[in-house]
Amino acid sequence: MKKLLLVGAALALGGCQAVVLEPAGDVAIQQRNLIYIATALMLIVIIPVMVMTVVFAWKYRAGNEKANYDPNWDHSTKIELAVWSVPLLIIVVLGAVTWTMTHLLDPYRPLGRLDSDKAIIANVEPLKVEVVSLDWKWLFIYPQYGVASLNVMAAPVDRPIEFSLTSTVVMNSFYVPALAGMIYTMPGMETKLHAVINEPGDFDGFSANYSGKGFSEMRFNFMARDDAGFDEWIESVRASEEHLDRTLYRKLEAPTVSDPERLFGSVDPDLFDLIVNMCVDPAKMCMSEMMAIDRNGGLGLAGIHNTLPETGLSRGVARASVFGPAPRYLAAICTPDEAIAALREIEKPEVRDRFKRLTSLNLPQPHEADMTPIMIADLAATFEELASDGRRTTP
């Protein structure tokens, strides 16, 4: 019975693949080596402690009358030196190795080599892959080839790969154990991963961050091919008649589980940027546009006015306010001379164009500036009159 159990256990373990300890990419190999180094350094303490536990228990057992009995013992310089110096040296070495490898294997850092024996070829362009994690599937866009794929990707052997990654709704993590360590994908953000695959074959890729009921099925096939095989795969993708545009992508965003592999022969060139900026829907403003508005000081007075509720009647358009009359704004407190100069400047046509209100797909069309040239002239005359009396002005 014991032999049968041992044989059964051996057969069960025979189906396991320790891909983390036997990767096919140089980045993953270096990460594996770091695990080996850290484990070996820690075993310097662990193994002696385990051995001494057994030795001390046997030597100082109750039945061993030959063992030394010293109930008043309280100190040993040699033991103190060993107990403190050895762990300290291990921490120093482990810290130095970990700090160095952490910077060398930074996912944002371009590769410094293909493997331990191959340097980066200067004229070889890295393969760029744009990765999008959806619920619960993976989308891969190849901007250099104008194609895309769902739940399957391919890469040439010994060619640097530059991943740009983002997500749609929730945070995920992109992980191909044979290729490199995991990297997070986050909505509205773009993360980077540089890697290389050194051996041909098919490898598993999946999400390593729980993201809902379809998480366990959120897997994809990573195919490593030689240059000819990769070119052949690209041509097979181009043969697909499906075009990945905004409309089709918004359908892919719907949560689904266990989606089959799917190829797209063409793709909108700016789709990934729209996904990152969370504006694939044409009715939404892109985050980059919002940030540009903020950088320029916000919407401005006219733009803020355009976002308020309707109030009163203006040029035949009802503008209602929750409380009070039409909104008014304090732009600045200035001297009469400054106010007159500003009004005279507004009279110029090229300056008046700047006062047009901002538009957005979610807002009504803007009206022309309310201040006509006649009104400006009247205000300027009023300010000049006030200035003659020596009074300050609040426009």
Foldseek 3Di string as FASTA:
>chain_A
DVVVVVVVVVVVCVPDDPCLCVFQWAQSPVVNVLVVLLVVLVCVPVVVVVVVVVVVCVCPPPPNPPHDDDPPDDDDPVVVCCVPVSVVVSCVVNVVVVVVSCVQQPFVDAHQARHPVGGDDPPADAFEWEWEQAQQWIKIARLVLQKIKIQEDEDEASGKYKYKAAYFDAKWWKDFSNWHHIDIHYALDIDIGITGGHDFDKTKIATPDDDDDQRVQRIGIYGYHHPVVNVVVLVVLLPDPAEAALVVVVVVNPRDHNDDMDIHNHYDSCVSVCRSQVPSPVQDDGVVVVVVCVVVPHQPPQQVLQPAAFFPADPNDGGNHPDDHRDDDFPDWDFLVVLLVVLVVCLDVVNLVVNWGDDHSVTDDTDRDPQDNVNSVVVSVVSVVVVVVVDTDTD
